[in-house]
Amino acid sequence: MVETRVIDGKASAASLRRRVAAAAAELAARSGIVPGLAAVLVGADPASEIYVRSKAKATREAGLAGFEHRLPAAASEAELLALVAKLNADPAIDGILVQLPLPPQIDPQRIIAALDPAKDVDGFHAENVGRLWSGGRALVPCTPWGCLVLLRETTGTLAGAEAVVIGRSNIVGKPMAALLLAEHCTVTLAHSRSRDLPAIARRADILVAAAGRAELVRGSWIKQGATVIDVGINRVAGDGGKSRLVGDVAFAEALGIAGAITPVPGGVGPMTIACLLRNTLIAACRRRGLPEPAV
């Protein structure tokens, strides 16, 4: 048995947001520049509505300029592309966030491809993906960057660690693997079809669970003392008919085995918005050829 440290993602996110706010205030005082973030919401998906409101609040608190654009659920792909083109050309906008999922009549890949890569603060454009994997200067997807921040704060140097990422999505799994490679980890990118997934997971000094399956990773899958980053957010039935949120890791089973673990909620989730603010600040500086703040 080990004493498992529960990683406080809320505290880390609050610290990052304070650093972004301080850097934004300095940028405004020095250059008169206020980084602008445009959020685009198509339709009225309840989860997306909540997320966009949270982002708007965090944007204001960090001293950034927020711009919200809403289109009806029946909007055409051409309408959304026209809005993206307008935001690409707007000098007041440094970051563009198109909230996913989009209605079925709109191809998300066409929308992502239409974004100015310099304003793609989600880091999904092929140019940013290519730069990330080739070791170039990229805007990195927010959730994996938040995971990396938590790992650095928890473990210090990551060089030489055996890292396993479970999940191969473009949003988390693949960019997480690229970030860990850049930190000189030995990386295995696993998924639901990997043979003997428990044995692969048990090799990991760093285990990132991002498969989107409730409590997939059991305590017996975890190496003694490993650092576990749980990206999953899954709603399951609880006692009395009430639902509850769980991660991709069986949290109670991991306690006493993992050296450190993120809880759900309160772990990775808060870091995503904080990293979005960071990306907007970085994009504002890069677009103007200004030094990047160390946030």
C-alpha atoms as a PDB file:
ATOM      1  CA  MET A   1       0.000   0.000   0.000  1.00  0.00           C
ATOM      2  CA  VAL A   2       1.141   3.525  -0.778  1.00  0.00           C
ATOM      3  CA  GLU A   3      -0.319   6.820   0.324  1.00  0.00           C
ATOM      4  CA  THR A   4      -2.016   8.131  -2.813  1.00  0.00           C
ATOM      5  CA  ARG A   5      -1.857  11.857  -3.463  1.00  0.00           C
ATOM      6  CA  VAL A   6      -5.104  13.207  -4.918  1.00  0.00           C
ATOM      7  CA  ILE A   7      -4.096  15.865  -7.449  1.00  0.00           C
ATOM      8  CA  ASP A   8      -6.015  19.125  -6.993  1.00  0.00           C
ATOM      9  CA  GLY A   9      -6.861  20.222 -10.534  1.00  0.00           C
ATOM     10  CA  LYS A  10      -8.977  23.118  -9.288  1.00  0.00           C
ATOM     11  CA  ALA A  11      -6.026  24.646  -7.435  1.00  0.00           C
ATOM     12  CA  SER A  12      -3.674  24.164 -10.400  1.00  0.00           C
ATOM     13  CA  ALA A  13      -6.213  25.688 -12.782  1.00  0.00           C
ATOM     14  CA  ALA A  14      -6.766  28.671 -10.488  1.00  0.00           C
ATOM     15  CA  SER A  15      -3.018  29.244 -10.330  1.00  0.00           C
ATOM     16  CA  LEU A  16      -2.707  29.099 -14.127  1.00  0.00           C
ATOM     17  CA  ARG A  17      -5.626  31.483 -14.569  1.00  0.00           C
ATOM     18  CA  ARG A  18      -3.999  33.960 -12.175  1.00  0.00           C
ATOM     19  CA  ARG A  19      -0.759  33.788 -14.177  1.00  0.00           C
ATOM     20  CA  VAL A  20      -2.657  34.356 -17.427  1.00  0.00           C
ATOM     21  CA  ALA A  21      -4.521  37.315 -15.911  1.00  0.00           C
ATOM     22  CA  ALA A  22      -1.272  38.877 -14.681  1.00  0.00           C
ATOM     23  CA  ALA A  23       0.400  38.422 -18.078  1.00  0.00           C
ATOM     24  CA  ALA A  24      -2.668  39.816 -19.882  1.00  0.00           C
ATOM     25  CA  ALA A  25      -2.681  42.886 -17.632  1.00  0.00           C
ATOM     26  CA  GLU A  26       1.006  43.450 -18.335  1.00  0.00           C
ATOM     27  CA  LEU A  27       0.406  43.060 -22.091  1.00  0.00           C
ATOM     28  CA  ALA A  28      -2.430  45.594 -21.978  1.00  0.00           C
ATOM     29  CA  ALA A  29      -0.363  48.066 -19.953  1.00  0.00           C
ATOM     30  CA  ARG A  30       2.707  47.707 -22.162  1.00  0.00           C
ATOM     31  CA  SER A  31       1.130  47.440 -25.629  1.00  0.00           C
ATOM     32  CA  GLY A  32      -2.549  48.324 -25.251  1.00  0.00           C
ATOM     33  CA  ILE A  33      -3.454  44.845 -26.502  1.00  0.00           C
ATOM     34  CA  VAL A  34      -6.360  42.890 -25.024  1.00  0.00           C
ATOM     35  CA  PRO A  35      -6.424  39.305 -26.379  1.00  0.00           C
ATOM     36  CA  GLY A  36      -9.815  38.436 -27.863  1.00  0.00           C
ATOM     37  CA  LEU A  37     -11.496  35.021 -27.777  1.00  0.00           C
ATOM     38  CA  ALA A  38     -14.508  34.291 -29.998  1.00  0.00           C
ATOM     39  CA  ALA A  39     -16.750  31.375 -29.038  1.00  0.00           C
ATOM     40  CA  VAL A  40     -19.108  30.016 -31.682  1.00  0.00           C
ATOM     41  CA  LEU A  41     -22.110  27.906 -30.679  1.00  0.00           C
ATOM     42  CA  VAL A  42     -24.411  26.296 -33.236  1.00  0.00           C
ATOM     43  CA  GLY A  43     -27.720  25.147 -31.774  1.00  0.00           C
ATOM     44  CA  ALA A  44     -28.504  24.770 -28.087  1.00  0.00           C
ATOM     45  CA  ASP A  45     -26.841  21.587 -26.863  1.00  0.00           C
ATOM     46  CA  PRO A  46     -27.247  21.786 -23.054  1.00  0.00           C
ATOM     47  CA  ALA A  47     -23.704  20.639 -22.241  1.00  0.00           C
ATOM     48  CA  SER A  48     -22.254  23.045 -24.805  1.00  0.00           C
ATOM     49  CA  GLU A  49     -24.349  25.902 -23.383  1.00  0.00           C
ATOM     50  CA  ILE A  50     -22.900  25.303 -19.909  1.00  0.00           C
ATOM     51  CA  TYR A  51     -19.367  25.032 -21.255  1.00  0.00           C
ATOM     52  CA  VAL A  52     -19.620  28.230 -23.303  1.00  0.00           C
ATOM     53  CA  ARG A  53     -20.970  30.147 -20.286  1.00  0.00           C
ATOM     54  CA  SER A  54     -18.097  28.862 -18.152  1.00  0.00           C
ATOM     55  CA  LYS A  55     -15.588  29.917 -20.786  1.00  0.00           C
ATOM     56  CA  ALA A  56     -17.149  33.382 -21.082  1.00  0.00           C
ATOM     57  CA  LYS A  57     -16.946  33.902 -17.312  1.00  0.00           C
ATOM     58  CA  ALA A  58     -13.339  32.706 -17.143  1.00  0.00           C
ATOM     59  CA  THR A  59     -12.414  34.927 -20.108  1.00  0.00           C
ATOM     60  CA  ARG A  60     -13.735  38.034 -18.366  1.00  0.00           C
ATOM     61  CA  GLU A  61     -12.041  37.155 -15.079  1.00  0.00           C
ATOM     62  CA  ALA A  62      -8.687  36.775 -16.851  1.00  0.00           C
ATOM     63  CA  GLY A  63      -8.978  40.238 -18.391  1.00  0.00           C
ATOM     64  CA  LEU A  64      -9.432  38.963 -21.930  1.00  0.00           C
ATOM     65  CA  ALA A  65     -12.084  40.148 -24.380  1.00  0.00           C
ATOM     66  CA  GLY A  66     -14.838  37.612 -25.041  1.00  0.00           C
ATOM     67  CA  PHE A  67     -17.027  37.518 -28.137  1.00  0.00           C
ATOM     68  CA  GLU A  68     -19.943  35.096 -28.415  1.00  0.00           C
ATOM     69  CA  HIS A  69     -21.547  34.127 -31.717  1.00  0.00           C
ATOM     70  CA  ARG A  70     -24.634  31.928 -31.912  1.00  0.00           C
ATOM     71  CA  LEU A  71     -26.204  30.285 -34.934  1.00  0.00           C
ATOM     72  CA  PRO A  72     -29.451  28.297 -34.971  1.00  0.00           C
ATOM     73  CA  ALA A  73     -29.334  24.508 -35.014  1.00  0.00           C
ATOM     74  CA  ALA A  74     -30.570  24.576 -38.619  1.00  0.00           C
ATOM     75  CA  ALA A  75     -27.709  26.799 -39.799  1.00  0.00           C
ATOM     76  CA  SER A  76     -25.968  25.584 -42.936  1.00  0.00           C
ATOM     77  CA  GLU A  77     -22.327  24.699 -43.277  1.00  0.00           C
ATOM     78  CA  ALA A  78     -21.938  27.683 -45.613  1.00  0.00           C
ATOM     79  CA  GLU A  79     -23.253  30.040 -42.922  1.00  0.00           C
ATOM     80  CA  LEU A  80     -20.790  28.738 -40.362  1.00  0.00           C
ATOM     81  CA  LEU A  81     -17.907  28.897 -42.844  1.00  0.00           C
ATOM     82  CA  ALA A  82     -18.821  32.518 -43.587  1.00  0.00           C
ATOM     83  CA  LEU A  83     -18.737  33.345 -39.866  1.00  0.00           C
ATOM     84  CA  VAL A  84     -15.357  31.629 -39.470  1.00  0.00           C
ATOM     85  CA  ALA A  85     -13.980  33.644 -42.412  1.00  0.00           C
ATOM     86  CA  LYS A  86     -15.235  36.855 -40.786  1.00  0.00           C
ATOM     87  CA  LEU A  87     -13.560  35.975 -37.480  1.00  0.00           C
ATOM     88  CA  ASN A  88     -10.333  34.989 -39.255  1.00  0.00           C
ATOM     89  CA  ALA A  89     -10.193  38.483 -40.743  1.00  0.00           C
ATOM     90  CA  ASP A  90     -11.115  40.360 -37.551  1.00  0.00           C
ATOM     91  CA  PRO A  91      -7.962  41.870 -35.966  1.00  0.00           C
ATOM     92  CA  ALA A  92      -9.667  42.016 -32.543  1.00  0.00           C
ATOM     93  CA  ILE A  93      -9.959  38.206 -32.469  1.00  0.00           C
ATOM     94  CA  ASP A  94      -6.892  36.206 -31.433  1.00  0.00           C
ATOM     95  CA  GLY A  95      -8.587  32.888 -30.714  1.00  0.00           C
ATOM     96  CA  ILE A  96     -11.557  31.155 -32.315  1.00  0.00           C
ATOM     97  CA  LEU A  97     -13.364  28.340 -30.555  1.00  0.00           C
ATOM     98  CA  VAL A  98     -16.088  26.488 -32.484  1.00  0.00           C
ATOM     99  CA  GLN A  99     -17.945  24.458 -29.879  1.00  0.00           C
ATOM    100  CA  LEU A 100     -18.317  20.769 -30.725  1.00  0.00           C
ATOM    101  CA  PRO A 101     -20.398  18.742 -31.416  1.00  0.00           C
ATOM    102  CA  LEU A 102     -21.909  20.431 -34.454  1.00  0.00           C
ATOM    103  CA  PRO A 103     -25.307  19.589 -35.994  1.00  0.00           C
ATOM    104  CA  PRO A 104     -25.243  16.679 -38.479  1.00  0.00           C
ATOM    105  CA  GLN A 105     -25.514  18.882 -41.579  1.00  0.00           C
ATOM    106  CA  ILE A 106     -22.110  20.440 -40.798  1.00  0.00           C
ATOM    107  CA  ASP A 107     -18.817  18.612 -41.327  1.00  0.00           C
ATOM    108  CA  PRO A 108     -16.607  19.512 -38.337  1.00  0.00           C
ATOM    109  CA  GLN A 109     -13.418  18.726 -40.276  1.00  0.00           C
ATOM    110  CA  ARG A 110     -14.293  21.311 -42.934  1.00  0.00           C
ATOM    111  CA  ILE A 111     -14.877  23.911 -40.238  1.00  0.00           C
ATOM    112  CA  ILE A 112     -11.608  23.120 -38.449  1.00  0.00           C
ATOM    113  CA  ALA A 113      -9.739  23.263 -41.767  1.00  0.00           C
ATOM    114  CA  ALA A 114     -11.210  26.720 -42.441  1.00  0.00           C
ATOM    115  CA  LEU A 115      -9.818  28.206 -39.211  1.00  0.00           C
ATOM    116  CA  ASP A 116      -6.758  30.438 -39.325  1.00  0.00           C
ATOM    117  CA  PRO A 117      -4.165  28.129 -37.663  1.00  0.00           C
ATOM    118  CA  ALA A 118      -2.802  31.133 -35.766  1.00  0.00           C
ATOM    119  CA  LYS A 119      -6.235  31.578 -34.122  1.00  0.00           C
ATOM    120  CA  ASP A 120      -6.975  27.861 -33.644  1.00  0.00           C
ATOM    121  CA  VAL A 121      -6.838  27.879 -29.830  1.00  0.00           C
ATOM    122  CA  ASP A 122      -8.273  24.342 -29.663  1.00  0.00           C
ATOM    123  CA  GLY A 123      -5.200  23.118 -31.558  1.00  0.00           C
ATOM    124  CA  PHE A 124      -7.224  20.930 -33.937  1.00  0.00           C
ATOM    125  CA  HIS A 125      -6.135  22.382 -37.303  1.00  0.00           C
ATOM    126  CA  ALA A 126      -3.899  20.057 -39.338  1.00  0.00           C
ATOM    127  CA  GLU A 127      -1.125  22.662 -39.350  1.00  0.00           C
ATOM    128  CA  ASN A 128      -1.034  22.770 -35.544  1.00  0.00           C
ATOM    129  CA  VAL A 129      -1.234  18.973 -35.362  1.00  0.00           C
ATOM    130  CA  GLY A 130       1.701  18.654 -37.754  1.00  0.00           C
ATOM    131  CA  ARG A 131       3.763  21.195 -35.866  1.00  0.00           C
ATOM    132  CA  LEU A 132       3.093  19.415 -32.566  1.00  0.00           C
ATOM    133  CA  TRP A 133       4.220  16.037 -33.896  1.00  0.00           C
ATOM    134  CA  SER A 134       7.245  17.460 -35.717  1.00  0.00           C
ATOM    135  CA  GLY A 135       8.454  19.410 -32.699  1.00  0.00           C
ATOM    136  CA  GLY A 136       7.483  22.819 -34.074  1.00  0.00           C
ATOM    137  CA  ARG A 137       5.741  25.749 -32.400  1.00  0.00           C
ATOM    138  CA  ALA A 138       2.070  24.829 -32.220  1.00  0.00           C
ATOM    139  CA  LEU A 139      -1.112  25.779 -30.464  1.00  0.00           C
ATOM    140  CA  VAL A 140      -1.717  22.592 -28.453  1.00  0.00           C
ATOM    141  CA  PRO A 141      -5.144  21.104 -27.590  1.00  0.00           C
ATOM    142  CA  CYS A 142      -6.204  22.365 -24.182  1.00  0.00           C
ATOM    143  CA  THR A 143      -7.016  19.137 -22.338  1.00  0.00           C
ATOM    144  CA  PRO A 144      -3.732  17.306 -23.033  1.00  0.00           C
ATOM    145  CA  TRP A 145      -1.756  20.455 -22.268  1.00  0.00           C
ATOM    146  CA  GLY A 146      -3.609  20.659 -18.945  1.00  0.00           C
ATOM    147  CA  CYS A 147      -2.683  17.031 -18.258  1.00  0.00           C
ATOM    148  CA  LEU A 148       0.962  17.825 -18.975  1.00  0.00           C
ATOM    149  CA  VAL A 149       0.888  20.786 -16.565  1.00  0.00           C
ATOM    150  CA  LEU A 150      -0.499  18.523 -13.824  1.00  0.00           C
ATOM    151  CA  LEU A 151       2.137  15.875 -14.543  1.00  0.00           C
ATOM    152  CA  ARG A 152       4.969  18.392 -14.369  1.00  0.00           C
ATOM    153  CA  GLU A 153       3.663  19.812 -11.110  1.00  0.00           C
ATOM    154  CA  THR A 154       3.203  16.346  -9.609  1.00  0.00           C
ATOM    155  CA  THR A 155       6.279  14.461 -10.777  1.00  0.00           C
ATOM    156  CA  GLY A 156       8.816  17.100 -11.804  1.00  0.00           C
ATOM    157  CA  THR A 157      10.932  15.764 -14.666  1.00  0.00           C
ATOM    158  CA  LEU A 158       9.188  13.252 -16.916  1.00  0.00           C
ATOM    159  CA  ALA A 159      12.261  12.229 -18.900  1.00  0.00           C
ATOM    160  CA  GLY A 160      12.745   8.476 -19.132  1.00  0.00           C
ATOM    161  CA  ALA A 161       9.353   7.588 -17.655  1.00  0.00           C
ATOM    162  CA  GLU A 162       7.284   4.819 -19.228  1.00  0.00           C
ATOM    163  CA  ALA A 163       3.986   6.436 -20.216  1.00  0.00           C
ATOM    164  CA  VAL A 164       0.830   4.713 -21.421  1.00  0.00           C
ATOM    165  CA  VAL A 165      -2.047   6.668 -22.956  1.00  0.00           C
ATOM    166  CA  ILE A 166      -5.325   4.756 -23.238  1.00  0.00           C
ATOM    167  CA  GLY A 167      -7.417   6.376 -25.952  1.00  0.00           C
ATOM    168  CA  ARG A 168      -6.464   7.565 -29.438  1.00  0.00           C
ATOM    169  CA  SER A 169      -8.772  10.520 -30.106  1.00  0.00           C
ATOM    170  CA  ASN A 170      -7.547  13.580 -31.975  1.00  0.00           C
ATOM    171  CA  ILE A 171      -8.698  15.713 -29.039  1.00  0.00           C
ATOM    172  CA  VAL A 172      -6.795  14.005 -26.206  1.00  0.00           C
ATOM    173  CA  GLY A 173      -5.049  10.685 -26.871  1.00  0.00           C
ATOM    174  CA  LYS A 174      -2.911  11.484 -29.900  1.00  0.00           C
ATOM    175  CA  PRO A 175      -1.765  14.974 -28.815  1.00  0.00           C
ATOM    176  CA  MET A 176      -1.111  13.637 -25.292  1.00  0.00           C
ATOM    177  CA  ALA A 177       1.219  11.022 -26.761  1.00  0.00           C
ATOM    178  CA  ALA A 178       3.034  13.707 -28.773  1.00  0.00           C
ATOM    179  CA  LEU A 179       3.488  15.905 -25.689  1.00  0.00           C
ATOM    180  CA  LEU A 180       4.858  13.010 -23.636  1.00  0.00           C
ATOM    181  CA  LEU A 181       7.291  12.108 -26.409  1.00  0.00           C
ATOM    182  CA  ALA A 182       8.511  15.709 -26.395  1.00  0.00           C
ATOM    183  CA  GLU A 183       9.113  15.315 -22.642  1.00  0.00           C
ATOM    184  CA  HIS A 184      11.398  12.320 -23.433  1.00  0.00           C
ATOM    185  CA  CYS A 185       9.005   9.665 -22.123  1.00  0.00           C
ATOM    186  CA  THR A 186       8.790   6.196 -23.622  1.00  0.00           C
ATOM    187  CA  VAL A 187       5.212   6.250 -24.894  1.00  0.00           C
ATOM    188  CA  THR A 188       2.676   3.545 -25.697  1.00  0.00           C
ATOM    189  CA  LEU A 189      -0.583   4.702 -27.268  1.00  0.00           C
ATOM    190  CA  ALA A 190      -3.155   2.011 -26.441  1.00  0.00           C
ATOM    191  CA  HIS A 191      -6.887   1.694 -27.089  1.00  0.00           C
ATOM    192  CA  SER A 192      -9.878  -0.600 -26.722  1.00  0.00           C
ATOM    193  CA  ARG A 193      -8.526  -3.068 -29.308  1.00  0.00           C
ATOM    194  CA  SER A 194      -5.060  -3.327 -27.790  1.00  0.00           C
ATOM    195  CA  ARG A 195      -4.229  -6.907 -26.843  1.00  0.00           C
ATOM    196  CA  ASP A 196      -3.960  -7.469 -23.070  1.00  0.00           C
ATOM    197  CA  LEU A 197      -4.654  -3.846 -22.191  1.00  0.00           C
ATOM    198  CA  PRO A 198      -4.286  -4.483 -18.416  1.00  0.00           C
ATOM    199  CA  ALA A 199      -0.717  -5.745 -18.916  1.00  0.00           C
ATOM    200  CA  ILE A 200       0.149  -2.703 -21.038  1.00  0.00           C
ATOM    201  CA  ALA A 201      -1.273  -0.361 -18.383  1.00  0.00           C
ATOM    202  CA  ARG A 202       0.677  -2.082 -15.593  1.00  0.00           C
ATOM    203  CA  ARG A 203       3.982  -1.079 -17.250  1.00  0.00           C
ATOM    204  CA  ALA A 204       3.198   2.607 -16.881  1.00  0.00           C
ATOM    205  CA  ASP A 205       4.958   5.025 -14.565  1.00  0.00           C
ATOM    206  CA  ILE A 206       2.517   7.554 -16.046  1.00  0.00           C
ATOM    207  CA  LEU A 207      -0.950   6.325 -17.018  1.00  0.00           C
ATOM    208  CA  VAL A 208      -3.326   8.654 -18.883  1.00  0.00           C
ATOM    209  CA  ALA A 209      -6.861   7.255 -19.218  1.00  0.00           C
ATOM    210  CA  ALA A 210      -8.808   8.933 -22.020  1.00  0.00           C
ATOM    211  CA  ALA A 211     -10.946   6.160 -23.488  1.00  0.00           C
ATOM    212  CA  GLY A 212     -14.372   7.549 -22.580  1.00  0.00           C
ATOM    213  CA  ARG A 213     -15.466   4.350 -20.806  1.00  0.00           C
ATOM    214  CA  ALA A 214     -16.629   4.519 -17.213  1.00  0.00           C
ATOM    215  CA  GLU A 215     -14.165   2.927 -14.770  1.00  0.00           C
ATOM    216  CA  LEU A 216     -12.452   0.944 -17.518  1.00  0.00           C
ATOM    217  CA  VAL A 217      -9.116   1.004 -15.685  1.00  0.00           C
ATOM    218  CA  ARG A 218      -9.242  -1.141 -12.564  1.00  0.00           C
ATOM    219  CA  GLY A 219      -6.933  -0.965  -9.583  1.00  0.00           C
ATOM    220  CA  SER A 220      -5.220  -4.175 -10.703  1.00  0.00           C
ATOM    221  CA  TRP A 221      -4.181  -2.415 -13.943  1.00  0.00           C
ATOM    222  CA  ILE A 222      -2.107   0.199 -12.101  1.00  0.00           C
ATOM    223  CA  LYS A 223       1.584  -0.097 -11.292  1.00  0.00           C
ATOM    224  CA  GLN A 224       2.469   0.545  -7.665  1.00  0.00           C
ATOM    225  CA  GLY A 225       3.319   4.231  -7.267  1.00  0.00           C
ATOM    226  CA  ALA A 226       2.276   5.256 -10.788  1.00  0.00           C
ATOM    227  CA  THR A 227       0.905   8.722 -11.540  1.00  0.00           C
ATOM    228  CA  VAL A 228      -2.594   8.383 -12.993  1.00  0.00           C
ATOM    229  CA  ILE A 229      -4.288  11.136 -15.010  1.00  0.00           C
ATOM    230  CA  ASP A 230      -7.995  10.407 -15.504  1.00  0.00           C
ATOM    231  CA  VAL A 231      -9.436  12.407 -18.407  1.00  0.00           C
ATOM    232  CA  GLY A 232     -12.771  10.595 -18.509  1.00  0.00           C
ATOM    233  CA  ILE A 233     -16.065  12.231 -17.538  1.00  0.00           C
ATOM    234  CA  ASN A 234     -18.861   9.648 -17.580  1.00  0.00           C
ATOM    235  CA  ARG A 235     -22.338   9.931 -16.109  1.00  0.00           C
ATOM    236  CA  VAL A 236     -23.570   6.703 -14.505  1.00  0.00           C
ATOM    237  CA  ALA A 237     -26.551   5.713 -12.381  1.00  0.00           C
ATOM    238  CA  GLY A 238     -26.049   6.224  -8.667  1.00  0.00           C
ATOM    239  CA  ASP A 239     -27.923   5.437  -5.486  1.00  0.00           C
ATOM    240  CA  GLY A 240     -31.558   6.451  -5.353  1.00  0.00           C
ATOM    241  CA  GLY A 241     -31.783   6.889  -9.103  1.00  0.00           C
ATOM    242  CA  LYS A 242     -29.504   9.925  -9.112  1.00  0.00           C
ATOM    243  CA  SER A 243     -26.683   9.993 -11.627  1.00  0.00           C
ATOM    244  CA  ARG A 244     -23.074  10.648 -10.699  1.00  0.00           C
ATOM    245  CA  LEU A 245     -19.881  11.477 -12.537  1.00  0.00           C
ATOM    246  CA  VAL A 246     -17.046   8.968 -12.704  1.00  0.00           C
ATOM    247  CA  GLY A 247     -13.825   8.840 -14.651  1.00  0.00           C
ATOM    248  CA  ASP A 248     -12.235   6.193 -16.823  1.00  0.00           C
ATOM    249  CA  VAL A 249     -10.419   4.873 -13.726  1.00  0.00           C
ATOM    250  CA  ALA A 250     -12.022   3.018 -10.805  1.00  0.00           C
ATOM    251  CA  PHE A 251     -10.924   5.699  -8.352  1.00  0.00           C
ATOM    252  CA  ALA A 252     -11.579   3.817  -5.098  1.00  0.00           C
ATOM    253  CA  GLU A 253      -9.593   0.818  -6.357  1.00  0.00           C
ATOM    254  CA  ALA A 254      -6.674   3.049  -7.383  1.00  0.00           C
ATOM    255  CA  LEU A 255      -6.283   4.532  -3.912  1.00  0.00           C
ATOM    256  CA  GLY A 256      -3.428   2.845  -2.087  1.00  0.00           C
ATOM    257  CA  ILE A 257      -1.863   1.710  -5.380  1.00  0.00           C
ATOM    258  CA  ALA A 258      -1.308   4.861  -7.441  1.00  0.00           C
ATOM    259  CA  GLY A 259       1.254   7.323  -6.174  1.00  0.00           C
ATOM    260  CA  ALA A 260      -0.939  10.173  -7.388  1.00  0.00           C
ATOM    261  CA  ILE A 261      -4.262  10.413  -9.220  1.00  0.00           C
ATOM    262  CA  THR A 262      -6.638  13.066 -10.522  1.00  0.00           C
ATOM    263  CA  PRO A 263     -10.200  12.881  -9.204  1.00  0.00           C
ATOM    264  CA  VAL A 264     -13.368  13.176 -11.293  1.00  0.00           C
ATOM    265  CA  PRO A 265     -14.674  15.810 -11.046  1.00  0.00           C
ATOM    266  CA  GLY A 266     -12.070  18.318  -9.916  1.00  0.00           C
ATOM    267  CA  GLY A 267      -9.026  16.954 -11.710  1.00  0.00           C
ATOM    268  CA  VAL A 268      -8.367  17.499 -15.418  1.00  0.00           C
ATOM    269  CA  GLY A 269     -11.649  19.314 -16.164  1.00  0.00           C
ATOM    270  CA  PRO A 270     -10.783  22.702 -14.623  1.00  0.00           C
ATOM    271  CA  MET A 271      -7.462  22.719 -16.466  1.00  0.00           C
ATOM    272  CA  THR A 272      -9.094  22.698 -19.901  1.00  0.00           C
ATOM    273  CA  ILE A 273     -10.591  26.186 -19.640  1.00  0.00           C
ATOM    274  CA  ALA A 274      -7.461  27.562 -17.977  1.00  0.00           C
ATOM    275  CA  CYS A 275      -5.382  26.255 -20.880  1.00  0.00           C
ATOM    276  CA  LEU A 276      -7.810  27.775 -23.384  1.00  0.00           C
ATOM    277  CA  LEU A 277      -7.139  31.186 -21.813  1.00  0.00           C
ATOM    278  CA  ARG A 278      -3.407  30.483 -21.964  1.00  0.00           C
ATOM    279  CA  ASN A 279      -3.626  29.566 -25.646  1.00  0.00           C
ATOM    280  CA  THR A 280      -5.530  32.795 -26.417  1.00  0.00           C
ATOM    281  CA  LEU A 281      -2.850  34.875 -24.690  1.00  0.00           C
ATOM    282  CA  ILE A 282      -0.067  32.986 -26.490  1.00  0.00           C
ATOM    283  CA  ALA A 283      -1.848  33.377 -29.843  1.00  0.00           C
ATOM    284  CA  ALA A 284      -2.224  37.137 -29.300  1.00  0.00           C
ATOM    285  CA  CYS A 285       1.507  37.504 -28.735  1.00  0.00           C
ATOM    286  CA  ARG A 286       2.574  35.218 -31.570  1.00  0.00           C
ATOM    287  CA  ARG A 287       0.338  36.940 -34.116  1.00  0.00           C
ATOM    288  CA  ARG A 288       2.058  40.238 -33.356  1.00  0.00           C
ATOM    289  CA  GLY A 289       5.604  38.931 -33.039  1.00  0.00           C
ATOM    290  CA  LEU A 290       5.729  39.773 -29.323  1.00  0.00           C
ATOM    291  CA  PRO A 291       7.591  37.734 -26.683  1.00  0.00           C
ATOM    292  CA  GLU A 292       5.473  34.944 -25.236  1.00  0.00           C
ATOM    293  CA  PRO A 293       4.777  35.127 -21.501  1.00  0.00           C
ATOM    294  CA  ALA A 294       5.970  32.145 -19.466  1.00  0.00           C
ATOM    295  CA  VAL A 295       2.571  30.784 -18.442  1.00  0.00           C
END
